[in-house]
Amino acid sequence: MGISAVILAGGFASRMGRCKPLLPISGVSALETAAARLQAAGISEITVVTGHDGGQIAGEARRLGIGVVSNPDYKSGMFSSVVVGVKALFPGTEAFFLLPADIPLVKTHTYLSLMEAWAATGADVVYPTFRGVRAHPPLISFPLAEGILSWTGEGGLGGFLENSPHSSAEIPAGDRAVTLDMDTPEDYERLIAYAKTEFFPDEEECDEILRIEGTSDGVVRHARVVAKVADAIAAALSGGGVGIDRRLLASASLLHDIAKGRHDHDAEGARMLRRRGMFEVADVVASHKDLPESGTICEKEVLYLADKMTVGTSVLTIEERMSKLELKFSSDEGALMSMRRKLSKAKAVRDEIEKIIGSPLGKILGGDDVGTRQKR
């Protein structure tokens, strides 16, 4: 679609005290991280604007095979780098991202969503948002380039966008990374911590993703109880020597019914999550409806059991669940046989977990903090 990207890397990094584009994230530079995600979204025309520490950053950009342009006036502020980057846009550019180099973890899916929205809405500027707040990077239509280059007012790019006539759209990203920069060493530490589990979305990210995908409030409430039940089981298993990744489990539990109401919602939900790069979460979600045989207790088994024990926001024993289903499907033998098979798997998982923890699950799940236990 003629989309380019300008990475702004000309600042002093005075509060950080180190060259931010070259700081390591998961073993590679922040610049490489950002460029790789743009390229994975199909954006090959990328230009880095350098200034302070320009030689080092230019060397890294050349190593990565991306364009470099120097801003001789970088001391005057970020807008001067914006102008240099816009002047250097590749021929044929129809729209361009402006990405500060210290916001490197924006996910590929977010770039794709912004490009899709730009094509669908025809907006001059498309902004990602997280929890309703505009963030980086904006996707700007090329016709605004002339106005940016001639802007002499206050406020830099923000001032131009606030004072020039244009249409805009805001796209919820479900991606906390659009808000995470590296202005200070403390910011950098937070970003590094986030990077370690960025594809295991936290509760706020999960809530945002579920809203974006149109998951109903009732399903979301159910998922929150499932997540509490699953975490309580995982905590007990940890005491029994079985390691469960509780962050992965929490993400999968909150998102397991993301596609509820659609055909094969387990497979469809997994597909939606893989598109967001959440492959491990998707793998767990894909098994929550009908568990494959594994012979071990891991995140899949815990989610499967927690889901089968949770009806709406009520937590039941497997026996209680089966009793209710016997009544519900008494005239549908096929459905009843299918549910018996699934609950038999859940019972086997429960029995194995109880053997590991040396205690009935009822002692763990009886508290009000887990869910509203349905009265018999």
Protein backbone atom coordinates (compact mmCIF):
# COMPACT_ATOMS: atom_id res chain seq x y z
CA MET A 1 0.00 0.00 0.00
CA GLY A 2 3.00 2.33 -0.27
CA ILE A 3 3.62 2.45 3.48
CA SER A 4 6.99 3.70 4.74
CA ALA A 5 8.37 4.19 8.22
CA VAL A 6 10.57 6.85 9.77
CA ILE A 7 12.36 5.91 13.00
CA LEU A 8 13.36 8.99 14.96
CA ALA A 9 16.74 8.39 16.61
CA GLY A 10 18.37 11.79 16.79
CA GLY A 11 17.87 12.82 20.42
CA PHE A 12 20.36 13.33 23.23
CA ALA A 13 18.92 10.63 25.53
CA SER A 14 19.93 12.94 28.39
CA ARG A 15 17.65 11.32 30.98
CA MET A 16 18.66 7.80 29.94
CA GLY A 17 22.36 8.59 29.76
CA ARG A 18 22.93 5.91 27.11
CA CYS A 19 22.30 5.58 23.38
CA LYS A 20 18.70 4.35 23.43
CA PRO A 21 18.47 2.85 19.91
CA LEU A 22 21.42 0.58 20.72
CA LEU A 23 20.21 -0.63 24.11
CA PRO A 24 19.73 -4.42 24.12
CA ILE A 25 16.29 -6.01 24.24
CA SER A 26 16.22 -9.80 24.35
CA GLY A 27 19.70 -9.96 22.87
CA VAL A 28 19.32 -7.46 20.02
CA SER A 29 19.32 -3.68 19.79
CA ALA A 30 16.17 -1.63 20.24
CA LEU A 31 16.62 -0.41 16.67
CA GLU A 32 16.77 -3.95 15.32
CA THR A 33 13.71 -4.89 17.39
CA ALA A 34 11.66 -2.02 15.97
CA ALA A 35 12.84 -2.53 12.39
CA ALA A 36 12.18 -6.27 12.45
CA ARG A 37 8.59 -5.75 13.56
CA LEU A 38 7.97 -3.17 10.88
CA GLN A 39 9.47 -5.49 8.27
CA ALA A 40 7.33 -8.39 9.50
CA ALA A 41 4.31 -6.18 8.79
CA GLY A 42 5.49 -5.85 5.19
CA ILE A 43 7.13 -2.44 5.53
CA SER A 44 10.45 -2.55 3.71
CA GLU A 45 11.04 1.18 3.22
CA ILE A 46 12.41 2.23 6.60
CA THR A 47 14.55 5.29 7.29
CA VAL A 48 16.37 6.05 10.53
CA VAL A 49 16.97 9.73 11.34
CA THR A 50 20.19 10.17 13.33
CA GLY A 51 21.66 13.06 15.26
CA HIS A 52 23.42 12.64 18.58
CA ASP A 53 25.46 9.40 18.54
CA GLY A 54 24.79 9.42 14.80
CA GLY A 55 27.85 7.38 13.83
CA GLN A 56 26.99 4.45 16.08
CA ILE A 57 23.32 4.43 15.12
CA ALA A 58 24.10 4.74 11.40
CA GLY A 59 26.44 1.76 11.67
CA GLU A 60 23.69 -0.34 13.23
CA ALA A 61 21.18 0.79 10.61
CA ARG A 62 23.54 -0.14 7.79
CA ARG A 63 24.10 -3.54 9.41
CA LEU A 64 20.34 -4.01 9.39
CA GLY A 65 20.04 -2.91 5.77
CA ILE A 66 17.76 0.03 6.46
CA GLY A 67 18.09 3.64 5.29
CA VAL A 68 19.86 6.36 7.25
CA VAL A 69 19.62 10.13 7.05
CA SER A 70 21.41 12.57 9.33
CA ASN A 71 19.74 15.54 10.99
CA PRO A 72 22.36 18.28 11.35
CA ASP A 73 19.90 20.39 13.36
CA TYR A 74 19.02 17.67 15.93
CA LYS A 75 19.84 19.98 18.85
CA SER A 76 16.73 22.00 18.07
CA GLY A 77 14.42 19.12 19.03
CA MET A 78 12.51 16.12 17.72
CA PHE A 79 10.45 18.03 15.16
CA SER A 80 13.61 18.82 13.21
CA SER A 81 14.15 15.06 12.89
CA VAL A 82 10.54 14.63 11.78
CA VAL A 83 11.14 17.17 9.01
CA VAL A 84 14.35 15.44 7.89
CA GLY A 85 12.61 12.07 7.90
CA VAL A 86 9.62 13.33 5.91
CA LYS A 87 11.94 14.90 3.33
CA ALA A 88 13.66 11.53 2.94
CA LEU A 89 10.46 9.52 2.36
CA PHE A 90 10.75 7.05 -0.48
CA PRO A 91 9.09 7.84 -3.81
CA GLY A 92 5.66 6.32 -4.00
CA THR A 93 4.97 6.65 -0.27
CA GLU A 94 1.25 6.93 0.37
CA ALA A 95 1.44 6.97 4.16
CA PHE A 96 4.17 6.70 6.74
CA PHE A 97 4.69 5.72 10.36
CA LEU A 98 6.59 8.06 12.66
CA LEU A 99 8.14 5.93 15.38
CA PRO A 100 10.41 7.25 18.14
CA ALA A 101 13.31 4.82 18.47
CA ASP A 102 12.69 4.49 22.19
CA ILE A 103 9.29 2.83 21.60
CA PRO A 104 10.61 -0.38 20.03
CA LEU A 105 8.17 -3.08 21.16
CA VAL A 106 5.11 -2.13 19.12
CA LYS A 107 3.84 -5.46 17.85
CA THR A 108 3.61 -6.43 14.22
CA HIS A 109 -0.14 -6.98 14.61
CA THR A 110 -0.52 -3.37 15.72
CA TYR A 111 1.17 -2.09 12.56
CA LEU A 112 -1.07 -4.34 10.46
CA SER A 113 -4.19 -3.13 12.26
CA LEU A 114 -3.25 0.51 11.70
CA MET A 115 -2.61 -0.09 8.01
CA GLU A 116 -5.92 -1.93 7.63
CA ALA A 117 -7.74 0.91 9.36
CA TRP A 118 -6.01 3.51 7.20
CA ALA A 119 -7.07 1.68 4.05
CA ALA A 120 -10.62 1.13 5.31
CA THR A 121 -11.35 4.57 6.74
CA GLY A 122 -9.43 6.88 4.43
CA ALA A 123 -8.39 8.89 7.50
CA ASP A 124 -5.45 11.25 7.12
CA VAL A 125 -3.97 10.09 10.43
CA VAL A 126 -4.56 6.83 12.27
CA TYR A 127 -3.53 6.57 15.92
CA PRO A 128 -3.19 3.45 18.04
CA THR A 129 -4.75 3.68 21.49
CA PHE A 130 -4.38 1.71 24.68
CA ARG A 131 -7.21 1.96 27.19
CA GLY A 132 -8.55 4.95 25.31
CA VAL A 133 -5.30 6.96 25.27
CA ARG A 134 -3.58 7.90 22.00
CA ALA A 135 -0.09 6.51 21.67
CA HIS A 136 2.68 5.80 19.14
CA PRO A 137 3.19 5.48 16.26
CA PRO A 138 0.73 7.50 14.17
CA LEU A 139 0.25 6.49 10.56
CA ILE A 140 0.14 9.69 8.50
CA SER A 141 -1.11 10.04 4.94
CA PHE A 142 1.46 11.49 2.55
CA PRO A 143 -0.65 14.55 1.54
CA LEU A 144 0.04 15.95 5.03
CA ALA A 145 3.80 15.89 4.36
CA GLU A 146 3.79 19.32 2.70
CA GLY A 147 2.09 20.85 5.72
CA ILE A 148 4.56 19.22 8.10
CA LEU A 149 7.52 20.56 6.12
CA SER A 150 6.14 24.10 6.10
CA TRP A 151 4.97 24.15 9.74
CA THR A 152 6.55 26.96 11.76
CA GLY A 153 4.14 27.06 14.67
CA GLU A 154 4.65 25.83 18.20
CA GLY A 155 4.33 22.28 19.48
CA GLY A 156 6.18 20.45 16.74
CA LEU A 157 4.32 17.62 15.06
CA GLY A 158 1.65 17.63 17.75
CA GLY A 159 1.06 21.32 17.21
CA PHE A 160 0.74 20.80 13.48
CA LEU A 161 -1.73 17.94 13.86
CA GLU A 162 -3.81 19.89 16.36
CA ASN A 163 -4.02 22.96 14.16
CA SER A 164 -4.28 21.59 10.63
CA PRO A 165 -7.53 20.41 9.06
CA HIS A 166 -7.49 16.66 8.57
CA SER A 167 -9.45 13.54 9.40
CA SER A 168 -8.26 11.07 12.00
CA ALA A 169 -9.16 7.65 13.39
CA GLU A 170 -8.26 5.93 16.63
CA ILE A 171 -7.67 2.18 16.63
CA PRO A 172 -7.61 0.24 19.94
CA ALA A 173 -4.46 -1.86 19.80
CA GLY A 174 -4.67 -4.20 22.78
CA ASP A 175 -0.92 -3.63 22.89
CA ARG A 176 0.58 -1.96 25.96
CA ALA A 177 3.85 -1.54 24.05
CA VAL A 178 2.46 1.50 22.21
CA THR A 179 2.78 3.35 25.54
CA LEU A 180 6.18 2.03 26.66
CA ASP A 181 9.22 4.22 26.05
CA MET A 182 12.77 4.35 27.37
CA ASP A 183 13.15 7.92 28.58
CA THR A 184 14.82 6.88 31.85
CA PRO A 185 16.71 3.87 33.20
CA GLU A 186 13.58 2.98 35.18
CA ASP A 187 11.50 3.06 31.98
CA TYR A 188 14.06 0.80 30.32
CA GLU A 189 13.89 -1.74 33.15
CA ARG A 190 10.08 -1.78 32.89
CA LEU A 191 10.31 -2.27 29.15
CA ILE A 192 12.80 -5.14 29.53
CA ALA A 193 10.53 -6.81 32.08
CA TYR A 194 7.55 -6.42 29.74
CA ALA A 195 9.50 -7.87 26.81
CA LYS A 196 10.04 -11.14 28.67
CA THR A 197 6.31 -11.91 28.70
CA GLU A 198 4.94 -9.50 26.09
CA PHE A 199 3.10 -12.26 24.22
CA PHE A 200 1.42 -13.40 27.44
CA PRO A 201 -0.90 -10.36 27.73
CA ASP A 202 -1.71 -9.06 31.19
CA GLU A 203 -5.26 -8.56 32.44
CA GLU A 204 -5.63 -5.04 31.06
CA GLU A 205 -4.34 -6.11 27.65
CA CYS A 206 -6.66 -9.12 27.69
CA ASP A 207 -9.62 -6.89 28.53
CA GLU A 208 -8.71 -4.59 25.65
CA ILE A 209 -8.30 -7.49 23.20
CA LEU A 210 -11.64 -8.99 24.23
CA ARG A 211 -13.36 -5.63 23.70
CA ILE A 212 -11.73 -5.25 20.28
CA GLU A 213 -12.94 -8.69 19.24
CA GLY A 214 -16.46 -8.07 20.51
CA THR A 215 -16.50 -10.79 23.17
CA SER A 216 -19.66 -10.46 25.27
CA ASP A 217 -19.56 -9.20 28.86
CA GLY A 218 -21.00 -12.48 30.14
CA VAL A 219 -18.22 -14.46 28.49
CA VAL A 220 -15.62 -12.07 29.91
CA ARG A 221 -17.02 -12.50 33.43
CA HIS A 222 -16.91 -16.27 32.99
CA ALA A 223 -13.29 -16.10 31.82
CA ARG A 224 -12.26 -14.09 34.87
CA VAL A 225 -13.62 -16.78 37.19
CA VAL A 226 -11.95 -19.49 35.11
CA ALA A 227 -8.67 -17.57 35.45
CA LYS A 228 -9.03 -17.46 39.26
CA VAL A 229 -9.84 -21.16 39.45
CA ALA A 230 -6.94 -22.02 37.16
CA ASP A 231 -4.49 -19.89 39.13
CA ALA A 232 -5.57 -21.47 42.42
CA ILE A 233 -4.96 -24.92 40.94
CA ALA A 234 -1.59 -23.81 39.54
CA ALA A 235 -0.55 -22.46 42.93
CA ALA A 236 -1.41 -25.78 44.56
CA LEU A 237 0.51 -27.68 41.90
CA SER A 238 3.51 -25.48 42.51
CA GLY A 239 3.42 -26.57 46.14
CA GLY A 240 3.35 -30.14 44.86
CA GLY A 241 6.45 -29.66 42.74
CA VAL A 242 4.77 -29.22 39.34
CA GLY A 243 5.86 -26.06 37.54
CA ILE A 244 3.04 -24.24 35.77
CA ASP A 245 3.69 -20.97 33.93
CA ARG A 246 1.08 -18.91 35.74
CA ARG A 247 1.43 -15.89 33.45
CA LEU A 248 0.84 -18.05 30.37
CA LEU A 249 -2.05 -19.79 32.12
CA ALA A 250 -3.62 -16.48 33.17
CA SER A 251 -3.48 -15.11 29.62
CA ALA A 252 -4.94 -18.28 28.13
CA SER A 253 -7.67 -18.44 30.78
CA LEU A 254 -8.76 -14.85 30.21
CA LEU A 255 -8.74 -15.28 26.43
CA HIS A 256 -9.92 -18.87 26.05
CA ASP A 257 -13.45 -17.91 24.95
CA ILE A 258 -12.44 -14.90 22.85
CA ALA A 259 -14.32 -16.37 19.86
CA LYS A 260 -17.27 -17.78 21.82
CA GLY A 261 -20.37 -17.96 19.65
CA ARG A 262 -18.42 -18.61 16.47
CA HIS A 263 -18.05 -21.97 14.73
CA ASP A 264 -15.30 -24.07 16.38
CA HIS A 265 -14.62 -21.21 18.77
CA ASP A 266 -11.58 -22.92 20.26
CA ALA A 267 -9.82 -23.17 16.89
CA GLU A 268 -11.04 -19.74 15.82
CA GLY A 269 -9.85 -18.18 19.07
CA ALA A 270 -6.43 -19.80 18.63
CA ARG A 271 -6.23 -18.42 15.08
CA MET A 272 -7.05 -14.91 16.31
CA LEU A 273 -4.34 -15.09 18.95
CA ARG A 274 -1.72 -16.46 16.56
CA ARG A 275 -2.38 -13.46 14.35
CA ARG A 276 -1.36 -11.34 17.33
CA GLY A 277 1.85 -13.34 17.72
CA MET A 278 0.60 -15.10 20.88
CA PHE A 279 1.51 -18.59 19.75
CA GLU A 280 1.94 -20.25 23.15
CA VAL A 281 -1.29 -18.75 24.45
CA ALA A 282 -3.05 -19.88 21.28
CA ASP A 283 -1.76 -23.42 21.74
CA VAL A 284 -3.32 -23.61 25.21
CA VAL A 285 -6.58 -21.98 24.07
CA ALA A 286 -6.90 -24.46 21.18
CA SER A 287 -7.19 -27.33 23.69
CA HIS A 288 -9.66 -25.87 26.18
CA LYS A 289 -12.76 -27.32 24.54
CA ASP A 290 -11.56 -30.88 23.99
CA LEU A 291 -8.26 -31.86 25.60
CA PRO A 292 -5.81 -34.02 23.62
CA GLU A 293 -4.11 -36.87 25.42
CA SER A 294 -0.77 -35.86 26.92
CA GLY A 295 -0.06 -37.90 30.03
CA THR A 296 1.27 -34.86 31.88
CA ILE A 297 -0.19 -31.96 33.84
CA CYS A 298 0.58 -28.61 32.26
CA GLU A 299 -1.18 -25.35 31.40
CA LYS A 300 -3.57 -27.05 28.94
CA GLU A 301 -4.82 -29.51 31.54
CA VAL A 302 -5.28 -26.85 34.19
CA LEU A 303 -7.28 -24.58 31.89
CA TYR A 304 -9.37 -27.50 30.65
CA LEU A 305 -10.29 -28.51 34.18
CA ALA A 306 -10.95 -24.95 35.36
CA ASP A 307 -13.22 -24.32 32.37
CA LYS A 308 -15.17 -27.54 32.90
CA MET A 309 -15.66 -26.66 36.57
CA THR A 310 -16.97 -23.17 35.81
CA VAL A 311 -20.51 -22.56 34.56
CA GLY A 312 -21.06 -18.88 34.00
CA THR A 313 -19.51 -17.45 37.17
CA SER A 314 -20.36 -20.48 39.33
CA VAL A 315 -17.77 -23.08 40.32
CA LEU A 316 -19.02 -26.68 40.44
CA THR A 317 -17.51 -30.08 41.02
CA ILE A 318 -17.26 -32.34 37.99
CA GLU A 319 -19.99 -34.50 39.49
CA GLU A 320 -22.30 -31.51 39.94
CA ARG A 321 -21.63 -30.42 36.36
CA MET A 322 -22.39 -33.90 35.04
CA SER A 323 -25.63 -34.12 37.00
CA LYS A 324 -26.87 -30.87 35.49
CA LEU A 325 -25.89 -31.94 31.99
CA GLU A 326 -27.68 -35.27 32.38
CA LEU A 327 -30.87 -33.29 32.87
CA LYS A 328 -30.17 -30.72 30.17
CA PHE A 329 -29.33 -33.24 27.44
CA SER A 330 -31.57 -36.11 28.53
CA SER A 331 -33.27 -36.15 25.11
CA ASP A 332 -30.07 -35.70 23.09
CA GLU A 333 -27.98 -38.83 23.44
CA GLY A 334 -25.28 -37.65 21.06
CA ALA A 335 -24.65 -34.40 22.94
CA LEU A 336 -24.80 -36.23 26.25
CA MET A 337 -22.19 -38.77 25.16
CA SER A 338 -19.90 -35.96 24.00
CA MET A 339 -20.21 -34.14 27.33
CA ARG A 340 -19.66 -37.35 29.30
CA ARG A 341 -16.45 -37.93 27.36
CA LYS A 342 -15.19 -34.38 27.97
CA LEU A 343 -16.07 -34.46 31.67
CA SER A 344 -14.47 -37.86 32.02
CA LYS A 345 -11.22 -36.28 30.80
CA ALA A 346 -11.70 -33.43 33.28
CA LYS A 347 -12.27 -35.91 36.11
CA ALA A 348 -9.08 -37.76 35.18
CA VAL A 349 -7.14 -34.47 35.24
CA ARG A 350 -8.69 -33.56 38.59
CA ASP A 351 -7.83 -36.95 40.08
CA GLU A 352 -4.23 -36.66 38.92
CA ILE A 353 -3.93 -33.14 40.34
CA GLU A 354 -5.40 -34.22 43.67
CA LYS A 355 -2.87 -37.05 43.77
CA ILE A 356 -0.05 -34.55 43.19
CA ILE A 357 -1.20 -32.01 45.77
CA GLY A 358 -2.38 -34.61 48.28
CA SER A 359 -5.67 -32.82 48.89
CA PRO A 360 -9.17 -32.53 47.35
CA LEU A 361 -9.58 -29.55 45.06
CA GLY A 362 -12.66 -28.57 47.02
CA LYS A 363 -10.43 -27.35 49.84
CA ILE A 364 -8.62 -25.06 47.42
CA LEU A 365 -11.61 -23.81 45.46
CA GLY A 366 -14.14 -23.32 48.20
CA GLY A 367 -13.30 -19.69 48.97
CA ASP A 368 -15.38 -16.74 47.85
CA ASP A 369 -12.30 -15.24 46.19
CA VAL A 370 -12.38 -17.90 43.48
CA GLY A 371 -15.97 -17.69 42.35
CA THR A 372 -19.55 -17.88 43.47
CA ARG A 373 -20.07 -21.49 44.30
CA GLN A 374 -23.47 -22.59 43.12
CA LYS A 375 -25.66 -24.01 45.86
CA ARG A 376 -26.85 -27.55 45.44
